[in-house]
Amino acid sequence: DSTYYADSVKGRFTISRANDKNTVNTVYLQMNS
């Protein structure tokens, strides 16, 4: 619930944690545009 980004990717990339119990140790980086 606390995230921050480099200015160069802000608004395009999203960092998040998996909320599925099978991938609980996984963090994602969604890269758009």
Full PDB file with SEQRES, HELIX, SHEET, SSBOND, CRYST1, ORIGX, SCALE, CONECT and MASTER records, all heavy atoms in Angstrom:
SEQRES   1 A   33  ASP SER THR TYR TYR ALA ASP SER VAL LYS GLY ARG PHE          
SEQRES   2 A   33  THR ILE SER ARG ALA ASN ASP LYS ASN THR VAL ASN THR          
SEQRES   3 A   33  VAL TYR LEU GLN MET ASN SER                                  
HELIX    1 AA1 LYS A   21  THR A   23  5                                   3    
SHEET    1 AA1 2 PHE A  13  ARG A  17  0                                        
SHEET    2 AA1 2 VAL A  27  MET A  31 -1                                        
CRYST1    1.000    1.000    1.000  90.00  90.00  90.00 P 1           1          
ORIGX1      1.000000  0.000000  0.000000        0.00000                         
ORIGX2      0.000000  1.000000  0.000000        0.00000                         
ORIGX3      0.000000  0.000000  1.000000        0.00000                         
SCALE1      1.000000  0.000000  0.000000        0.00000                         
SCALE2      0.000000  1.000000  0.000000        0.00000                         
SCALE3      0.000000  0.000000  1.000000        0.00000                         
ATOM      1  N   ASP A   1       0.810  -1.219   0.000  1.00  0.00           N  
ATOM      2  CA  ASP A   1       0.000   0.000   0.000  1.00  0.00           C  
ATOM      3  C   ASP A   1       0.840   1.263   0.000  1.00  0.00           C  
ATOM      4  O   ASP A   1       0.295   2.378   0.024  1.00  0.00           O  
ATOM      5  CB  ASP A   1      -0.968   0.003   1.186  1.00  0.00           C  
ATOM      6  CG  ASP A   1      -0.253  -0.011   2.521  1.00  0.00           C  
ATOM      7  OD1 ASP A   1       0.989   0.016   2.543  1.00  0.00           O  
ATOM      8  OD2 ASP A   1      -0.949  -0.050   3.547  1.00  0.00           O  
ATOM      9  N   SER A   2       2.144   1.109  -0.020  1.00  0.00           N  
ATOM     10  CA  SER A   2       3.036   2.247  -0.160  1.00  0.00           C  
ATOM     11  C   SER A   2       3.966   1.975  -1.328  1.00  0.00           C  
ATOM     12  O   SER A   2       4.780   1.043  -1.284  1.00  0.00           O  
ATOM     13  CB  SER A   2       3.848   2.454   1.125  1.00  0.00           C  
ATOM     14  OG  SER A   2       4.719   3.560   0.988  1.00  0.00           O  
ATOM     15  N   THR A   3       3.825   2.771  -2.375  1.00  0.00           N  
ATOM     16  CA  THR A   3       4.628   2.583  -3.578  1.00  0.00           C  
ATOM     17  C   THR A   3       5.192   3.926  -4.033  1.00  0.00           C  
ATOM     18  O   THR A   3       4.619   4.982  -3.722  1.00  0.00           O  
ATOM     19  CB  THR A   3       3.800   2.000  -4.730  1.00  0.00           C  
ATOM     20  OG1 THR A   3       2.725   2.909  -5.037  1.00  0.00           O  
ATOM     21  CG2 THR A   3       3.196   0.652  -4.366  1.00  0.00           C  
ATOM     22  N   TYR A   4       6.299   3.867  -4.742  1.00  0.00           N  
ATOM     23  CA  TYR A   4       6.773   5.078  -5.404  1.00  0.00           C  
ATOM     24  C   TYR A   4       7.607   4.702  -6.614  1.00  0.00           C  
ATOM     25  O   TYR A   4       8.056   3.565  -6.746  1.00  0.00           O  
ATOM     26  CB  TYR A   4       7.502   6.000  -4.438  1.00  0.00           C  
ATOM     27  CG  TYR A   4       8.842   5.523  -3.943  1.00  0.00           C  
ATOM     28  CD1 TYR A   4      10.026   6.032  -4.478  1.00  0.00           C  
ATOM     29  CD2 TYR A   4       8.931   4.599  -2.909  1.00  0.00           C  
ATOM     30  CE1 TYR A   4      11.247   5.610  -4.016  1.00  0.00           C  
ATOM     31  CE2 TYR A   4      10.156   4.182  -2.440  1.00  0.00           C  
ATOM     32  CZ  TYR A   4      11.303   4.697  -2.994  1.00  0.00           C  
ATOM     33  OH  TYR A   4      12.531   4.271  -2.539  1.00  0.00           O  
ATOM     34  N   TYR A   5       7.746   5.695  -7.519  1.00  0.00           N  
ATOM     35  CA  TYR A   5       8.280   5.442  -8.838  1.00  0.00           C  
ATOM     36  C   TYR A   5       9.289   6.504  -9.252  1.00  0.00           C  
ATOM     37  O   TYR A   5       9.252   7.638  -8.787  1.00  0.00           O  
ATOM     38  CB  TYR A   5       7.134   5.448  -9.860  1.00  0.00           C  
ATOM     39  CG  TYR A   5       6.065   4.421  -9.587  1.00  0.00           C  
ATOM     40  CD1 TYR A   5       4.985   4.709  -8.758  1.00  0.00           C  
ATOM     41  CD2 TYR A   5       6.135   3.151 -10.162  1.00  0.00           C  
ATOM     42  CE1 TYR A   5       4.005   3.768  -8.502  1.00  0.00           C  
ATOM     43  CE2 TYR A   5       5.161   2.200  -9.915  1.00  0.00           C  
ATOM     44  CZ  TYR A   5       4.107   2.515  -9.079  1.00  0.00           C  
ATOM     45  OH  TYR A   5       3.136   1.573  -8.825  1.00  0.00           O  
ATOM     46  N   ALA A   6      10.129   6.100 -10.189  1.00  0.00           N  
ATOM     47  CA  ALA A   6      10.991   7.077 -10.842  1.00  0.00           C  
ATOM     48  C   ALA A   6      10.104   7.962 -11.714  1.00  0.00           C  
ATOM     49  O   ALA A   6       9.088   7.506 -12.251  1.00  0.00           O  
ATOM     50  CB  ALA A   6      12.034   6.375 -11.703  1.00  0.00           C  
ATOM     51  N   ASP A   7      10.473   9.201 -11.865  1.00  0.00           N  
ATOM     52  CA  ASP A   7       9.674  10.126 -12.666  1.00  0.00           C  
ATOM     53  C   ASP A   7       9.509   9.626 -14.098  1.00  0.00           C  
ATOM     54  O   ASP A   7       8.479   9.865 -14.727  1.00  0.00           O  
ATOM     55  CB  ASP A   7      10.330  11.507 -12.682  1.00  0.00           C  
ATOM     56  CG  ASP A   7      10.210  12.208 -11.342  1.00  0.00           C  
ATOM     57  OD1 ASP A   7       9.360  11.807 -10.519  1.00  0.00           O  
ATOM     58  OD2 ASP A   7      10.980  13.153 -11.104  1.00  0.00           O  
ATOM     59  N   SER A   8      10.504   8.934 -14.610  1.00  0.00           N  
ATOM     60  CA  SER A   8      10.482   8.497 -16.007  1.00  0.00           C  
ATOM     61  C   SER A   8       9.428   7.429 -16.293  1.00  0.00           C  
ATOM     62  O   SER A   8       9.061   7.212 -17.443  1.00  0.00           O  
ATOM     63  CB  SER A   8      11.860   7.966 -16.410  1.00  0.00           C  
ATOM     64  OG  SER A   8      12.242   6.883 -15.573  1.00  0.00           O  
ATOM     65  N   VAL A   9       8.939   6.755 -15.245  1.00  0.00           N  
ATOM     66  CA  VAL A   9       7.948   5.687 -15.456  1.00  0.00           C  
ATOM     67  C   VAL A   9       6.625   5.973 -14.765  1.00  0.00           C  
ATOM     68  O   VAL A   9       5.660   5.214 -14.936  1.00  0.00           O  
ATOM     69  CB  VAL A   9       8.493   4.321 -14.981  1.00  0.00           C  
ATOM     70  CG1 VAL A   9       9.837   4.021 -15.628  1.00  0.00           C  
ATOM     71  CG2 VAL A   9       8.585   4.247 -13.456  1.00  0.00           C  
ATOM     72  N   LYS A  10       6.553   7.035 -14.010  1.00  0.00           N  
ATOM     73  CA  LYS A  10       5.333   7.356 -13.272  1.00  0.00           C  
ATOM     74  C   LYS A  10       4.162   7.513 -14.218  1.00  0.00           C  
ATOM     75  O   LYS A  10       4.257   8.179 -15.247  1.00  0.00           O  
ATOM     76  CB  LYS A  10       5.556   8.647 -12.465  1.00  0.00           C  
ATOM     77  CG  LYS A  10       4.635   8.822 -11.298  1.00  0.00           C  
ATOM     78  CD  LYS A  10       5.070  10.020 -10.465  1.00  0.00           C  
ATOM     79  CE  LYS A  10       6.430   9.830  -9.836  1.00  0.00           C  
ATOM     80  NZ  LYS A  10       6.837  10.973  -8.986  1.00  0.00           N  
ATOM     81  N   GLY A  11       3.050   6.857 -13.866  1.00  0.00           N  
ATOM     82  CA  GLY A  11       1.866   6.918 -14.708  1.00  0.00           C  
ATOM     83  C   GLY A  11       1.822   5.853 -15.789  1.00  0.00           C  
ATOM     84  O   GLY A  11       0.770   5.643 -16.412  1.00  0.00           O  
ATOM     85  N   ARG A  12       2.939   5.175 -16.016  1.00  0.00           N  
ATOM     86  CA  ARG A  12       2.985   4.108 -17.034  1.00  0.00           C  
ATOM     87  C   ARG A  12       3.245   2.744 -16.413  1.00  0.00           C  
ATOM     88  O   ARG A  12       2.721   1.736 -16.893  1.00  0.00           O  
ATOM     89  CB  ARG A  12       4.085   4.412 -18.060  1.00  0.00           C  
ATOM     90  CG  ARG A  12       3.911   5.709 -18.818  1.00  0.00           C  
ATOM     91  CD  ARG A  12       4.942   5.854 -19.938  1.00  0.00           C  
ATOM     92  NE  ARG A  12       6.319   5.880 -19.446  1.00  0.00           N  
ATOM     93  CZ  ARG A  12       7.247   4.991 -19.789  1.00  0.00           C  
ATOM     94  NH1 ARG A  12       6.943   4.006 -20.622  1.00  0.00           N  
ATOM     95  NH2 ARG A  12       8.478   5.088 -19.311  1.00  0.00           N  
ATOM     96  N   PHE A  13       4.043   2.684 -15.371  1.00  0.00           N  
ATOM     97  CA  PHE A  13       4.389   1.417 -14.716  1.00  0.00           C  
ATOM     98  C   PHE A  13       3.665   1.320 -13.380  1.00  0.00           C  
ATOM     99  O   PHE A  13       3.446   2.329 -12.703  1.00  0.00           O  
ATOM    100  CB  PHE A  13       5.891   1.328 -14.468  1.00  0.00           C  
ATOM    101  CG  PHE A  13       6.743   1.196 -15.703  1.00  0.00           C  
ATOM    102  CD1 PHE A  13       6.222   1.330 -16.981  1.00  0.00           C  
ATOM    103  CD2 PHE A  13       8.093   0.918 -15.579  1.00  0.00           C  
ATOM    104  CE1 PHE A  13       7.017   1.201 -18.107  1.00  0.00           C  
ATOM    105  CE2 PHE A  13       8.912   0.779 -16.688  1.00  0.00           C  
ATOM    106  CZ  PHE A  13       8.373   0.932 -17.954  1.00  0.00           C  
ATOM    107  N   THR A  14       3.349   0.085 -13.006  1.00  0.00           N  
ATOM    108  CA  THR A  14       2.721  -0.168 -11.709  1.00  0.00           C  
ATOM    109  C   THR A  14       3.401  -1.351 -11.034  1.00  0.00           C  
ATOM    110  O   THR A  14       3.502  -2.433 -11.633  1.00  0.00           O  
ATOM    111  CB  THR A  14       1.230  -0.468 -11.866  1.00  0.00           C  
ATOM    112  OG1 THR A  14       0.579   0.618 -12.525  1.00  0.00           O  
ATOM    113  CG2 THR A  14       0.578  -0.673 -10.493  1.00  0.00           C  
ATOM    114  N   ILE A  15       3.837  -1.136  -9.809  1.00  0.00           N  
ATOM    115  CA  ILE A  15       4.420  -2.225  -9.014  1.00  0.00           C  
ATOM    116  C   ILE A  15       3.353  -2.717  -8.047  1.00  0.00           C  
ATOM    117  O   ILE A  15       2.617  -1.913  -7.459  1.00  0.00           O  
ATOM    118  CB  ILE A  15       5.696  -1.755  -8.273  1.00  0.00           C  
ATOM    119  CG1 ILE A  15       6.391  -2.940  -7.599  1.00  0.00           C  
ATOM    120  CG2 ILE A  15       5.389  -0.638  -7.285  1.00  0.00           C  
ATOM    121  CD1 ILE A  15       7.762  -2.577  -7.017  1.00  0.00           C  
ATOM    122  N   SER A  16       3.258  -4.035  -7.887  1.00  0.00           N  
ATOM    123  CA  SER A  16       2.225  -4.578  -7.015  1.00  0.00           C  
ATOM    124  C   SER A  16       2.634  -5.950  -6.511  1.00  0.00           C  
ATOM    125  O   SER A  16       3.540  -6.587  -7.068  1.00  0.00           O  
ATOM    126  CB  SER A  16       0.893  -4.680  -7.758  1.00  0.00           C  
ATOM    127  OG  SER A  16       0.989  -5.594  -8.836  1.00  0.00           O  
ATOM    128  N   ARG A  17       1.928  -6.391  -5.462  1.00  0.00           N  
ATOM    129  CA  ARG A  17       2.169  -7.735  -4.929  1.00  0.00           C  
ATOM    130  C   ARG A  17       1.065  -8.665  -5.402  1.00  0.00           C  
ATOM    131  O   ARG A  17      -0.093  -8.261  -5.507  1.00  0.00           O  
ATOM    132  CB  ARG A  17       2.175  -7.711  -3.398  1.00  0.00           C  
ATOM    133  CG  ARG A  17       3.390  -7.059  -2.821  1.00  0.00           C  
ATOM    134  CD  ARG A  17       3.481  -7.301  -1.342  1.00  0.00           C  
ATOM    135  NE  ARG A  17       4.681  -6.701  -0.788  1.00  0.00           N  
ATOM    136  CZ  ARG A  17       5.862  -7.286  -0.769  1.00  0.00           C  
ATOM    137  NH1 ARG A  17       5.990  -8.505  -1.241  1.00  0.00           N  
ATOM    138  NH2 ARG A  17       6.917  -6.665  -0.252  1.00  0.00           N  
ATOM    139  N   ALA A  18       1.421  -9.910  -5.632  1.00  0.00           N  
ATOM    140  CA  ALA A  18       0.426 -10.910  -5.981  1.00  0.00           C  
ATOM    141  C   ALA A  18      -0.474 -11.149  -4.783  1.00  0.00           C  
ATOM    142  O   ALA A  18      -0.011 -11.179  -3.641  1.00  0.00           O  
ATOM    143  CB  ALA A  18       1.109 -12.208  -6.390  1.00  0.00           C  
ATOM    144  N   ASN A  19      -1.770 -11.314  -5.033  1.00  0.00           N  
ATOM    145  CA  ASN A  19      -2.697 -11.583  -3.945  1.00  0.00           C  
ATOM    146  C   ASN A  19      -3.291 -12.975  -4.027  1.00  0.00           C  
ATOM    147  O   ASN A  19      -4.240 -13.304  -3.325  1.00  0.00           O  
ATOM    148  CB  ASN A  19      -3.814 -10.545  -3.920  1.00  0.00           C  
ATOM    149  CG  ASN A  19      -4.490 -10.413  -5.264  1.00  0.00           C  
ATOM    150  OD1 ASN A  19      -4.402 -11.305  -6.093  1.00  0.00           O  
ATOM    151  ND2 ASN A  19      -5.137  -9.292  -5.491  1.00  0.00           N  
ATOM    152  N   ASP A  20      -2.705 -13.785  -4.880  1.00  0.00           N  
ATOM    153  CA  ASP A  20      -3.116 -15.182  -5.004  1.00  0.00           C  
ATOM    154  C   ASP A  20      -2.238 -16.007  -4.065  1.00  0.00           C  
ATOM    155  O   ASP A  20      -1.029 -15.846  -4.047  1.00  0.00           O  
ATOM    156  CB  ASP A  20      -2.913 -15.636  -6.452  1.00  0.00           C  
ATOM    157  CG  ASP A  20      -3.384 -17.055  -6.679  1.00  0.00           C  
ATOM    158  OD1 ASP A  20      -2.883 -17.949  -5.980  1.00  0.00           O  
ATOM    159  OD2 ASP A  20      -4.236 -17.258  -7.548  1.00  0.00           O  
ATOM    160  N   LYS A  21      -2.832 -16.893  -3.306  1.00  0.00           N  
ATOM    161  CA  LYS A  21      -2.066 -17.665  -2.323  1.00  0.00           C  
ATOM    162  C   LYS A  21      -1.007 -18.544  -2.976  1.00  0.00           C  
ATOM    163  O   LYS A  21      -0.037 -18.945  -2.335  1.00  0.00           O  
ATOM    164  CB  LYS A  21      -2.998 -18.524  -1.480  1.00  0.00           C  
ATOM    165  CG  LYS A  21      -3.749 -19.600  -2.252  1.00  0.00           C  
ATOM    166  CD  LYS A  21      -4.620 -20.434  -1.328  1.00  0.00           C  
ATOM    167  CE  LYS A  21      -5.359 -21.526  -2.080  1.00  0.00           C  
ATOM    168  NZ  LYS A  21      -6.199 -22.332  -1.177  1.00  0.00           N  
ATOM    169  N   ASN A  22      -1.167 -18.828  -4.255  1.00  0.00           N  
ATOM    170  CA  ASN A  22      -0.183 -19.668  -4.937  1.00  0.00           C  
ATOM    171  C   ASN A  22       1.023 -18.869  -5.423  1.00  0.00           C  
ATOM    172  O   ASN A  22       2.031 -19.459  -5.813  1.00  0.00           O  
ATOM    173  CB  ASN A  22      -0.829 -20.377  -6.126  1.00  0.00           C  
ATOM    174  CG  ASN A  22      -1.873 -21.377  -5.683  1.00  0.00           C  
ATOM    175  OD1 ASN A  22      -1.691 -22.082  -4.698  1.00  0.00           O  
ATOM    176  ND2 ASN A  22      -2.981 -21.427  -6.405  1.00  0.00           N  
ATOM    177  N   THR A  23       0.911 -17.566  -5.450  1.00  0.00           N  
ATOM    178  CA  THR A  23       2.018 -16.724  -5.913  1.00  0.00           C  
ATOM    179  C   THR A  23       2.305 -15.638  -4.901  1.00  0.00           C  
ATOM    180  O   THR A  23       2.638 -14.521  -5.234  1.00  0.00           O  
ATOM    181  CB  THR A  23       1.696 -16.097  -7.281  1.00  0.00           C  
ATOM    182  OG1 THR A  23       0.440 -15.405  -7.167  1.00  0.00           O  
ATOM    183  CG2 THR A  23       1.619 -17.142  -8.350  1.00  0.00           C  
ATOM    184  N   VAL A  24       2.190 -15.983  -3.620  1.00  0.00           N  
ATOM    185  CA  VAL A  24       2.241 -14.982  -2.572  1.00  0.00           C  
ATOM    186  C   VAL A  24       3.599 -14.319  -2.480  1.00  0.00           C  
ATOM    187  O   VAL A  24       3.711 -13.197  -2.001  1.00  0.00           O  
ATOM    188  CB  VAL A  24       1.840 -15.603  -1.227  1.00  0.00           C  
ATOM    189  CG1 VAL A  24       2.877 -16.620  -0.780  1.00  0.00           C  
ATOM    190  CG2 VAL A  24       1.639 -14.547  -0.169  1.00  0.00           C  
ATOM    191  N   ASN A  25       4.659 -14.973  -2.931  1.00  0.00           N  
ATOM    192  CA  ASN A  25       5.995 -14.378  -2.842  1.00  0.00           C  
ATOM    193  C   ASN A  25       6.361 -13.536  -4.045  1.00  0.00           C  
ATOM    194  O   ASN A  25       7.505 -13.135  -4.190  1.00  0.00           O  
ATOM    195  CB  ASN A  25       7.042 -15.482  -2.686  1.00  0.00           C  
ATOM    196  CG  ASN A  25       6.927 -16.186  -1.364  1.00  0.00           C  
ATOM    197  OD1 ASN A  25       6.327 -15.679  -0.434  1.00  0.00           O  
ATOM    198  ND2 ASN A  25       7.505 -17.368  -1.275  1.00  0.00           N  
ATOM    199  N   THR A  26       5.401 -13.276  -4.907  1.00  0.00           N  
ATOM    200  CA  THR A  26       5.681 -12.633  -6.181  1.00  0.00           C  
ATOM    201  C   THR A  26       5.291 -11.163  -6.192  1.00  0.00           C  
ATOM    202  O   THR A  26       4.250 -10.781  -5.664  1.00  0.00           O  
ATOM    203  CB  THR A  26       4.935 -13.362  -7.313  1.00  0.00           C  
ATOM    204  OG1 THR A  26       5.367 -14.724  -7.350  1.00  0.00           O  
ATOM    205  CG2 THR A  26       5.213 -12.715  -8.656  1.00  0.00           C  
ATOM    206  N   VAL A  27       6.164 -10.374  -6.777  1.00  0.00           N  
ATOM    207  CA  VAL A  27       5.903  -8.957  -7.010  1.00  0.00           C  
ATOM    208  C   VAL A  27       5.935  -8.730  -8.521  1.00  0.00           C  
ATOM    209  O   VAL A  27       6.761  -9.312  -9.219  1.00  0.00           O  
ATOM    210  CB  VAL A  27       6.956  -8.079  -6.307  1.00  0.00           C  
ATOM    211  CG1 VAL A  27       6.880  -6.640  -6.781  1.00  0.00           C  
ATOM    212  CG2 VAL A  27       6.763  -8.138  -4.798  1.00  0.00           C  
ATOM    213  N   TYR A  28       5.041  -7.882  -8.995  1.00  0.00           N  
ATOM    214  CA  TYR A  28       4.925  -7.621 -10.427  1.00  0.00           C  
ATOM    215  C   TYR A  28       5.357  -6.197 -10.761  1.00  0.00           C  
ATOM    216  O   TYR A  28       5.291  -5.305  -9.928  1.00  0.00           O  
ATOM    217  CB  TYR A  28       3.488  -7.814 -10.893  1.00  0.00           C  
ATOM    218  CG  TYR A  28       2.933  -9.187 -10.670  1.00  0.00           C  
ATOM    219  CD1 TYR A  28       1.933  -9.397  -9.732  1.00  0.00           C  
ATOM    220  CD2 TYR A  28       3.405 -10.271 -11.391  1.00  0.00           C  
ATOM    221  CE1 TYR A  28       1.409 -10.656  -9.515  1.00  0.00           C  
ATOM    222  CE2 TYR A  28       2.885 -11.541 -11.180  1.00  0.00           C  
ATOM    223  CZ  TYR A  28       1.892 -11.723 -10.243  1.00  0.00           C  
ATOM    224  OH  TYR A  28       1.386 -12.981 -10.034  1.00  0.00           O  
ATOM    225  N   LEU A  29       5.751  -6.032 -11.998  1.00  0.00           N  
ATOM    226  CA  LEU A  29       5.933  -4.707 -12.564  1.00  0.00           C  
ATOM    227  C   LEU A  29       5.151  -4.682 -13.868  1.00  0.00           C  
ATOM    228  O   LEU A  29       5.569  -5.298 -14.858  1.00  0.00           O  
ATOM    229  CB  LEU A  29       7.404  -4.377 -12.817  1.00  0.00           C  
ATOM    230  CG  LEU A  29       7.656  -2.961 -13.336  1.00  0.00           C  
ATOM    231  CD1 LEU A  29       7.343  -1.927 -12.232  1.00  0.00           C  
ATOM    232  CD2 LEU A  29       9.081  -2.779 -13.832  1.00  0.00           C  
ATOM    233  N   GLN A  30       4.001  -4.037 -13.838  1.00  0.00           N  
ATOM    234  CA  GLN A  30       3.188  -3.884 -15.042  1.00  0.00           C  
ATOM    235  C   GLN A  30       3.699  -2.678 -15.808  1.00  0.00           C  
ATOM    236  O   GLN A  30       3.692  -1.565 -15.281  1.00  0.00           O  
ATOM    237  CB  GLN A  30       1.718  -3.700 -14.674  1.00  0.00           C  
ATOM    238  CG  GLN A  30       0.798  -3.499 -15.864  1.00  0.00           C  
ATOM    239  CD  GLN A  30       0.697  -4.729 -16.749  1.00  0.00           C  
ATOM    240  OE1 GLN A  30       0.573  -5.848 -16.259  1.00  0.00           O  
ATOM    241  NE2 GLN A  30       0.748  -4.519 -18.055  1.00  0.00           N  
ATOM    242  N   MET A  31       4.101  -2.906 -17.044  1.00  0.00           N  
ATOM    243  CA  MET A  31       4.674  -1.853 -17.870  1.00  0.00           C  
ATOM    244  C   MET A  31       3.716  -1.562 -19.011  1.00  0.00           C  
ATOM    245  O   MET A  31       3.482  -2.405 -19.861  1.00  0.00           O  
ATOM    246  CB  MET A  31       6.032  -2.300 -18.419  1.00  0.00           C  
ATOM    247  CG  MET A  31       7.001  -2.766 -17.346  1.00  0.00           C  
ATOM    248  SD  MET A  31       8.458  -3.609 -18.017  1.00  0.00           S  
ATOM    249  CE  MET A  31       9.169  -2.324 -19.029  1.00  0.00           C  
ATOM    250  N   ASN A  32       3.146  -0.375 -19.029  1.00  0.00           N  
ATOM    251  CA  ASN A  32       2.224   0.048 -20.085  1.00  0.00           C  
ATOM    252  C   ASN A  32       2.818   1.213 -20.860  1.00  0.00           C  
ATOM    253  O   ASN A  32       3.677   1.932 -20.361  1.00  0.00           O  
ATOM    254  CB  ASN A  32       0.879   0.457 -19.493  1.00  0.00           C  
ATOM    255  CG  ASN A  32       0.163  -0.692 -18.805  1.00  0.00           C  
ATOM    256  OD1 ASN A  32       0.321  -1.861 -19.170  1.00  0.00           O  
ATOM    257  ND2 ASN A  32      -0.647  -0.364 -17.804  1.00  0.00           N  
ATOM    258  N   SER A  33       2.329   1.389 -22.063  1.00  0.00           N  
ATOM    259  CA  SER A  33       2.787   2.502 -22.913  1.00  0.00           C  
ATOM    260  C   SER A  33       4.311   2.562 -22.948  1.00  0.00           C  
ATOM    261  O   SER A  33       4.921   3.629 -22.766  1.00  0.00           O  
ATOM    262  CB  SER A  33       2.226   3.831 -22.393  1.00  0.00           C  
ATOM    263  OG  SER A  33       0.812   3.795 -22.351  1.00  0.00           O  
TER     264      SER A  33                                                      
MASTER        0    0    0    1    2    0    0    6  263    1    0    3          
END                                                                             
